[in-house]
């Protein structure tokens, strides 16, 4: 496996020096993660796609200001997070539960109809429980568990201190556990 962080640095230098067509490589590498963040904020495919396009446009315009003090992906997530928060603020309050499509599920081979039904019900319960979390908890949980970001990276992305992030993740897990216990009798 190659060092994508080092490759990103090289590509950024090339794009900034005039080889703008190479930016598509950065988009290809990071598009799914940004789109996933868009889904976690906006809860529908169309808004997540618009969000992804907006994030990469902002990133392209700001690329010359990237100083390399963090990984490119961390810097990109900071842009994405700020774009999402600002987008949420601009939107009128609309129901996140009614907002559209769920992320596509992966095919893990043949399974029984019962297992598929249980898995779908569990995924829906977790999705619904996540939408009930306060936004500050949800973004920390998303970045930590679903995007594999460290507390330090989440600090750079959100601006929250590390201890606050740890507290948010802890409280979110407790709230999710309580919510899922209510829904399915899970202890």
Foldseek 3Di string as FASTA:
>chain_A
DDDVLVVVVVLLVVCVVPPVVSLVVVCVVCVVVQLVVQCLLQVANVSSVVLSVVLSVVCSVCSVVDPSPDGPNLVSLLSSLVSSVVVVVPDDDDDSVPRYDDPDDDDPDDDDPVVVVVVVVVVVLLSVLLSPQDPLLSVLLCCVPVVVDDLVSVCSNPVDDSVVSVVSPVVSVVSSQVSVCVVPVHD
